[in-house]
Amino acid sequence: MTALNGPSYAGPQLGALVNTKSEVETAQVVTPSGMKPIVVQPGDNLSQIAADNNIPLAELLAANPQFSLDPAANPNTRSADLIYPGEVVFAPTAEAKATDAAGAKYDAATRASEQPSANRGEWEDKSKDVTTTKNDFKQAVQAEIDAGMSYSGNSREDYGNEAVALGEQIAQRYEAQGKPELAAAAREAAQERSTAINNEV
């Protein structure tokens, strides 16, 4: 069981519109890939939580679709101004933000490489940029995998399988965004990390 710091939830019963500390601790609510659970403390608000985690409020709201700045216009949401101690909001981890930044560079380099080149030198530069940014992205994926590893199991094979499973979660995050190239590269990175784990001396 994961133990989270913070008070227990004692707010109104809002069903799926609130994730409580106890639900996350007992895995009734699963922490999404690339996210960390944050237990709301007395006096907290979403703007402060966003600032404390160095992310824009819009990004925090996107990670927590149960909230809305205009719940009247968005059914099945609640006001972002009403949060309660003991509930959990999710924020991107530093590793996931680094993966996303590296992924954006790889995606941009890939798109640039698909444009006609004026000469062979320009084509070679574009090709090199794709290779470099893909490797940077894969390293970021592996760092995110390492940060998420629990090393549950009894063997290197178990650990390798956990790395592949974490990589699959990252890949699915990119598939949901309509970015199959990033998803494929994330799976490659996970397989490489799994192989490295299995070959560690």
C-alpha atoms as a PDB file:
ATOM      1  CA  MET A   1       0.000   0.000   0.000  1.00  0.00           C
ATOM      2  CA  THR A   2       1.266   3.454  -0.894  1.00  0.00           C
ATOM      3  CA  ALA A   3       1.223   5.888   2.022  1.00  0.00           C
ATOM      4  CA  LEU A   4       0.607   9.521   1.166  1.00  0.00           C
ATOM      5  CA  ASN A   5       1.288  12.468   3.428  1.00  0.00           C
ATOM      6  CA  GLY A   6      -1.656  14.629   4.336  1.00  0.00           C
ATOM      7  CA  PRO A   7      -5.045  14.556   6.013  1.00  0.00           C
ATOM      8  CA  SER A   8      -7.808  12.057   5.355  1.00  0.00           C
ATOM      9  CA  TYR A   9     -10.699  13.252   3.227  1.00  0.00           C
ATOM     10  CA  ALA A  10     -13.724  14.526   5.117  1.00  0.00           C
ATOM     11  CA  GLY A  11     -15.397  16.653   2.433  1.00  0.00           C
ATOM     12  CA  PRO A  12     -18.700  16.119   0.662  1.00  0.00           C
ATOM     13  CA  GLN A  13     -19.338  12.875  -1.165  1.00  0.00           C
ATOM     14  CA  LEU A  14     -18.867  13.738  -4.829  1.00  0.00           C
ATOM     15  CA  GLY A  15     -18.345  10.289  -6.346  1.00  0.00           C
ATOM     16  CA  ALA A  16     -16.081  10.316  -9.403  1.00  0.00           C
ATOM     17  CA  LEU A  17     -15.575  14.070  -9.062  1.00  0.00           C
ATOM     18  CA  VAL A  18     -13.182  13.598  -6.153  1.00  0.00           C
ATOM     19  CA  ASN A  19     -10.175  11.296  -5.717  1.00  0.00           C
ATOM     20  CA  THR A  20      -9.435  10.701  -2.056  1.00  0.00           C
ATOM     21  CA  LYS A  21      -6.162   9.908  -0.346  1.00  0.00           C
ATOM     22  CA  SER A  22      -7.481   6.508   0.787  1.00  0.00           C
ATOM     23  CA  GLU A  23      -8.652   5.626  -2.751  1.00  0.00           C
ATOM     24  CA  VAL A  24      -5.175   6.290  -4.133  1.00  0.00           C
ATOM     25  CA  GLU A  25      -3.469   4.459  -1.263  1.00  0.00           C
ATOM     26  CA  THR A  26      -5.584   1.357  -1.831  1.00  0.00           C
ATOM     27  CA  ALA A  27      -5.323   1.610  -5.651  1.00  0.00           C
ATOM     28  CA  GLN A  28      -9.068   2.143  -6.107  1.00  0.00           C
ATOM     29  CA  VAL A  29      -7.904   5.195  -8.049  1.00  0.00           C
ATOM     30  CA  VAL A  30      -4.779   4.569 -10.140  1.00  0.00           C
ATOM     31  CA  THR A  31      -2.215   7.330 -10.537  1.00  0.00           C
ATOM     32  CA  PRO A  32      -2.018   8.090 -14.274  1.00  0.00           C
ATOM     33  CA  SER A  33       1.253   7.540 -16.118  1.00  0.00           C
ATOM     34  CA  GLY A  34       3.654  10.428 -15.718  1.00  0.00           C
ATOM     35  CA  MET A  35       1.720  11.875 -12.800  1.00  0.00           C
ATOM     36  CA  LYS A  36       2.292  12.131  -9.073  1.00  0.00           C
ATOM     37  CA  PRO A  37      -0.494  12.265  -6.483  1.00  0.00           C
ATOM     38  CA  ILE A  38      -0.669  15.401  -4.345  1.00  0.00           C
ATOM     39  CA  VAL A  39      -2.802  15.356  -1.210  1.00  0.00           C
ATOM     40  CA  VAL A  40      -4.626  18.651  -0.723  1.00  0.00           C
ATOM     41  CA  GLN A  41      -3.694  20.326   2.565  1.00  0.00           C
ATOM     42  CA  PRO A  42      -5.918  22.740   4.514  1.00  0.00           C
ATOM     43  CA  GLY A  43      -5.785  26.161   2.838  1.00  0.00           C
ATOM     44  CA  ASP A  44      -4.557  24.812  -0.533  1.00  0.00           C
ATOM     45  CA  ASN A  45      -6.007  25.936  -3.845  1.00  0.00           C
ATOM     46  CA  LEU A  46      -5.292  24.743  -7.369  1.00  0.00           C
ATOM     47  CA  SER A  47      -3.402  27.897  -8.345  1.00  0.00           C
ATOM     48  CA  GLN A  48      -1.007  27.411  -5.433  1.00  0.00           C
ATOM     49  CA  ILE A  49      -0.573  23.695  -6.158  1.00  0.00           C
ATOM     50  CA  ALA A  50       0.234  24.548  -9.795  1.00  0.00           C
ATOM     51  CA  ALA A  51       2.761  27.194  -8.712  1.00  0.00           C
ATOM     52  CA  ASP A  52       4.365  24.849  -6.159  1.00  0.00           C
ATOM     53  CA  ASN A  53       4.836  22.248  -8.910  1.00  0.00           C
ATOM     54  CA  ASN A  54       6.089  24.767 -11.481  1.00  0.00           C
ATOM     55  CA  ILE A  55       3.315  24.099 -13.985  1.00  0.00           C
ATOM     56  CA  PRO A  56       0.657  26.353 -15.528  1.00  0.00           C
ATOM     57  CA  LEU A  57      -2.805  26.138 -13.958  1.00  0.00           C
ATOM     58  CA  ALA A  58      -4.182  25.034 -17.349  1.00  0.00           C
ATOM     59  CA  GLU A  59      -1.823  22.033 -17.300  1.00  0.00           C
ATOM     60  CA  LEU A  60      -2.932  21.084 -13.775  1.00  0.00           C
ATOM     61  CA  LEU A  61      -6.587  21.358 -14.829  1.00  0.00           C
ATOM     62  CA  ALA A  62      -5.894  19.181 -17.890  1.00  0.00           C
ATOM     63  CA  ALA A  63      -4.424  16.519 -15.600  1.00  0.00           C
ATOM     64  CA  ASN A  64      -7.528  16.687 -13.372  1.00  0.00           C
ATOM     65  CA  PRO A  65     -10.580  16.755 -15.677  1.00  0.00           C
ATOM     66  CA  GLN A  66     -12.974  16.592 -12.742  1.00  0.00           C
ATOM     67  CA  PHE A  67     -12.352  20.347 -12.308  1.00  0.00           C
ATOM     68  CA  SER A  68     -13.471  23.181 -14.535  1.00  0.00           C
ATOM     69  CA  LEU A  69     -13.246  26.962 -14.447  1.00  0.00           C
ATOM     70  CA  ASP A  70     -16.842  26.937 -15.766  1.00  0.00           C
ATOM     71  CA  PRO A  71     -18.651  23.848 -14.432  1.00  0.00           C
ATOM     72  CA  ALA A  72     -22.051  25.136 -15.605  1.00  0.00           C
ATOM     73  CA  ALA A  73     -20.832  24.881 -19.196  1.00  0.00           C
ATOM     74  CA  ASN A  74     -18.951  21.604 -18.615  1.00  0.00           C
ATOM     75  CA  PRO A  75     -21.187  18.789 -17.352  1.00  0.00           C
ATOM     76  CA  ASN A  76     -19.682  16.234 -14.980  1.00  0.00           C
ATOM     77  CA  THR A  77     -17.140  18.694 -13.610  1.00  0.00           C
ATOM     78  CA  ARG A  78     -16.946  20.751 -10.445  1.00  0.00           C
ATOM     79  CA  SER A  79     -15.634  24.196  -9.700  1.00  0.00           C
ATOM     80  CA  ALA A  80     -11.864  24.514  -9.609  1.00  0.00           C
ATOM     81  CA  ASP A  81     -12.356  26.886  -6.677  1.00  0.00           C
ATOM     82  CA  LEU A  82     -13.691  24.094  -4.451  1.00  0.00           C
ATOM     83  CA  ILE A  83     -11.051  21.646  -3.290  1.00  0.00           C
ATOM     84  CA  TYR A  84     -11.011  19.859   0.032  1.00  0.00           C
ATOM     85  CA  PRO A  85      -8.251  18.654   2.378  1.00  0.00           C
ATOM     86  CA  GLY A  86      -7.546  14.961   1.891  1.00  0.00           C
ATOM     87  CA  GLU A  87      -8.523  14.821  -1.767  1.00  0.00           C
ATOM     88  CA  VAL A  88      -5.855  14.054  -4.336  1.00  0.00           C
ATOM     89  CA  VAL A  89      -4.966  15.971  -7.459  1.00  0.00           C
ATOM     90  CA  PHE A  90      -2.464  14.728 -10.009  1.00  0.00           C
ATOM     91  CA  ALA A  91       0.447  16.764 -11.354  1.00  0.00           C
ATOM     92  CA  PRO A  92       3.049  15.809 -13.977  1.00  0.00           C
ATOM     93  CA  THR A  93       6.329  14.505 -12.563  1.00  0.00           C
ATOM     94  CA  ALA A  94       9.563  16.300 -13.412  1.00  0.00           C
ATOM     95  CA  GLU A  95      10.603  13.223 -15.411  1.00  0.00           C
ATOM     96  CA  ALA A  96       7.366  13.232 -17.438  1.00  0.00           C
ATOM     97  CA  LYS A  97       7.788  16.948 -18.180  1.00  0.00           C
ATOM     98  CA  ALA A  98      11.354  16.243 -19.378  1.00  0.00           C
ATOM     99  CA  THR A  99      10.076  13.378 -21.554  1.00  0.00           C
ATOM    100  CA  ASP A 100       7.388  15.610 -23.052  1.00  0.00           C
ATOM    101  CA  ALA A 101       9.932  18.367 -23.783  1.00  0.00           C
ATOM    102  CA  ALA A 102      12.282  15.888 -25.470  1.00  0.00           C
ATOM    103  CA  GLY A 103       9.339  14.386 -27.351  1.00  0.00           C
ATOM    104  CA  ALA A 104       8.325  17.804 -28.670  1.00  0.00           C
ATOM    105  CA  LYS A 105      11.850  18.329 -30.043  1.00  0.00           C
ATOM    106  CA  TYR A 106      11.893  14.891 -31.671  1.00  0.00           C
ATOM    107  CA  ASP A 107       8.430  15.489 -33.155  1.00  0.00           C
ATOM    108  CA  ALA A 108       9.521  18.889 -34.542  1.00  0.00           C
ATOM    109  CA  ALA A 109      12.712  17.418 -36.022  1.00  0.00           C
ATOM    110  CA  THR A 110      10.723  14.613 -37.652  1.00  0.00           C
ATOM    111  CA  ARG A 111       8.272  17.069 -39.197  1.00  0.00           C
ATOM    112  CA  ALA A 112      11.128  19.284 -40.429  1.00  0.00           C
ATOM    113  CA  SER A 113      12.816  16.280 -42.043  1.00  0.00           C
ATOM    114  CA  GLU A 114       9.673  15.602 -44.067  1.00  0.00           C
ATOM    115  CA  GLN A 115       9.966  19.011 -45.773  1.00  0.00           C
ATOM    116  CA  PRO A 116      11.956  19.221 -49.027  1.00  0.00           C
ATOM    117  CA  SER A 117      15.654  19.987 -48.557  1.00  0.00           C
ATOM    118  CA  ALA A 118      17.466  22.580 -50.658  1.00  0.00           C
ATOM    119  CA  ASN A 119      20.613  20.465 -50.890  1.00  0.00           C
ATOM    120  CA  ARG A 120      22.309  17.328 -49.607  1.00  0.00           C
ATOM    121  CA  GLY A 121      23.920  19.170 -46.690  1.00  0.00           C
ATOM    122  CA  GLU A 122      20.556  20.398 -45.442  1.00  0.00           C
ATOM    123  CA  TRP A 123      19.105  16.887 -45.780  1.00  0.00           C
ATOM    124  CA  GLU A 124      22.033  15.430 -43.786  1.00  0.00           C
ATOM    125  CA  ASP A 125      21.570  18.057 -41.065  1.00  0.00           C
ATOM    126  CA  LYS A 126      17.861  17.245 -40.794  1.00  0.00           C
ATOM    127  CA  SER A 127      18.568  13.527 -40.668  1.00  0.00           C
ATOM    128  CA  LYS A 128      21.191  14.017 -37.957  1.00  0.00           C
ATOM    129  CA  ASP A 129      18.755  16.188 -35.969  1.00  0.00           C
ATOM    130  CA  VAL A 130      16.115  13.441 -36.091  1.00  0.00           C
ATOM    131  CA  THR A 131      18.612  10.860 -34.836  1.00  0.00           C
ATOM    132  CA  THR A 132      19.900  13.125 -32.059  1.00  0.00           C
ATOM    133  CA  THR A 133      16.455  14.188 -30.827  1.00  0.00           C
ATOM    134  CA  LYS A 134      15.164  10.611 -30.964  1.00  0.00           C
ATOM    135  CA  ASN A 135      18.078   9.447 -28.796  1.00  0.00           C
ATOM    136  CA  ASP A 136      17.467  12.323 -26.362  1.00  0.00           C
ATOM    137  CA  PHE A 137      13.783  11.364 -26.195  1.00  0.00           C
ATOM    138  CA  LYS A 138      14.598   7.711 -25.553  1.00  0.00           C
ATOM    139  CA  GLN A 139      16.990   8.710 -22.744  1.00  0.00           C
ATOM    140  CA  ALA A 140      14.236  10.846 -21.199  1.00  0.00           C
ATOM    141  CA  VAL A 141      11.797   7.919 -21.441  1.00  0.00           C
ATOM    142  CA  GLN A 142      14.325   5.668 -19.708  1.00  0.00           C
ATOM    143  CA  ALA A 143      14.832   8.257 -16.945  1.00  0.00           C
ATOM    144  CA  GLU A 144      11.052   8.385 -16.458  1.00  0.00           C
ATOM    145  CA  ILE A 145      10.940   4.586 -16.343  1.00  0.00           C
ATOM    146  CA  ASP A 146      13.744   4.491 -13.759  1.00  0.00           C
ATOM    147  CA  ALA A 147      11.935   7.070 -11.614  1.00  0.00           C
ATOM    148  CA  GLY A 148       8.771   4.956 -11.687  1.00  0.00           C
ATOM    149  CA  MET A 149      10.400   1.583 -10.948  1.00  0.00           C
ATOM    150  CA  SER A 150       9.304  -0.140  -7.740  1.00  0.00           C
ATOM    151  CA  TYR A 151      11.587  -3.144  -8.365  1.00  0.00           C
ATOM    152  CA  SER A 152       8.813  -5.460  -7.269  1.00  0.00           C
ATOM    153  CA  GLY A 153       9.504  -9.078  -8.010  1.00  0.00           C
ATOM    154  CA  ASN A 154      12.330 -11.480  -7.353  1.00  0.00           C
ATOM    155  CA  SER A 155      14.479 -11.415 -10.449  1.00  0.00           C
ATOM    156  CA  ARG A 156      16.057  -9.222 -13.085  1.00  0.00           C
ATOM    157  CA  GLU A 157      13.472 -10.592 -15.492  1.00  0.00           C
ATOM    158  CA  ASP A 158      10.708  -9.246 -13.217  1.00  0.00           C
ATOM    159  CA  TYR A 159      12.433  -5.859 -13.130  1.00  0.00           C
ATOM    160  CA  GLY A 160      12.851  -5.894 -16.901  1.00  0.00           C
ATOM    161  CA  ASN A 161       9.167  -6.693 -17.322  1.00  0.00           C
ATOM    162  CA  GLU A 162       8.291  -3.792 -15.011  1.00  0.00           C
ATOM    163  CA  ALA A 163      10.399  -1.457 -17.189  1.00  0.00           C
ATOM    164  CA  VAL A 164       8.527  -2.641 -20.299  1.00  0.00           C
ATOM    165  CA  ALA A 165       5.164  -2.120 -18.552  1.00  0.00           C
ATOM    166  CA  LEU A 166       6.120   1.416 -17.501  1.00  0.00           C
ATOM    167  CA  GLY A 167       7.313   2.134 -21.031  1.00  0.00           C
ATOM    168  CA  GLU A 168       3.987   0.902 -22.377  1.00  0.00           C
ATOM    169  CA  GLN A 169       2.167   3.380 -20.130  1.00  0.00           C
ATOM    170  CA  ILE A 170       4.319   6.173 -21.549  1.00  0.00           C
ATOM    171  CA  ALA A 171       3.703   4.927 -25.091  1.00  0.00           C
ATOM    172  CA  GLN A 172      -0.050   4.900 -24.500  1.00  0.00           C
ATOM    173  CA  ARG A 173       0.157   8.484 -23.256  1.00  0.00           C
ATOM    174  CA  TYR A 174       1.546   9.465 -26.666  1.00  0.00           C
ATOM    175  CA  GLU A 175      -0.884   7.288 -28.584  1.00  0.00           C
ATOM    176  CA  ALA A 176      -3.714   9.113 -26.794  1.00  0.00           C
ATOM    177  CA  GLN A 177      -2.205  12.349 -28.109  1.00  0.00           C
ATOM    178  CA  GLY A 178      -2.140  10.981 -31.681  1.00  0.00           C
ATOM    179  CA  LYS A 179       1.663  10.698 -31.793  1.00  0.00           C
ATOM    180  CA  PRO A 180       2.440   7.128 -32.923  1.00  0.00           C
ATOM    181  CA  GLU A 181       6.115   7.905 -33.699  1.00  0.00           C
ATOM    182  CA  LEU A 182       6.687   8.944 -30.095  1.00  0.00           C
ATOM    183  CA  ALA A 183       4.794   5.898 -28.845  1.00  0.00           C
ATOM    184  CA  ALA A 184       6.974   3.603 -30.968  1.00  0.00           C
ATOM    185  CA  ALA A 185      10.168   5.282 -29.755  1.00  0.00           C
ATOM    186  CA  ALA A 186       8.969   4.979 -26.138  1.00  0.00           C
ATOM    187  CA  ARG A 187       8.452   1.243 -26.611  1.00  0.00           C
ATOM    188  CA  GLU A 188      11.943   0.928 -28.124  1.00  0.00           C
ATOM    189  CA  ALA A 189      13.402   2.788 -25.149  1.00  0.00           C
ATOM    190  CA  ALA A 190      11.556   0.540 -22.697  1.00  0.00           C
ATOM    191  CA  GLN A 191      12.796  -2.598 -24.430  1.00  0.00           C
ATOM    192  CA  GLU A 192      16.361  -1.270 -24.391  1.00  0.00           C
ATOM    193  CA  ARG A 193      16.055  -0.457 -20.676  1.00  0.00           C
ATOM    194  CA  SER A 194      14.664  -3.931 -19.981  1.00  0.00           C
ATOM    195  CA  THR A 195      17.579  -5.524 -21.857  1.00  0.00           C
ATOM    196  CA  ALA A 196      20.050  -3.404 -19.901  1.00  0.00           C
ATOM    197  CA  ILE A 197      18.437  -4.432 -16.597  1.00  0.00           C
ATOM    198  CA  ASN A 198      18.602  -8.109 -17.568  1.00  0.00           C
ATOM    199  CA  ASN A 199      22.273  -7.764 -18.536  1.00  0.00           C
ATOM    200  CA  GLU A 200      23.401  -5.918 -15.402  1.00  0.00           C
ATOM    201  CA  VAL A 201      26.198  -7.694 -13.593  1.00  0.00           C
END
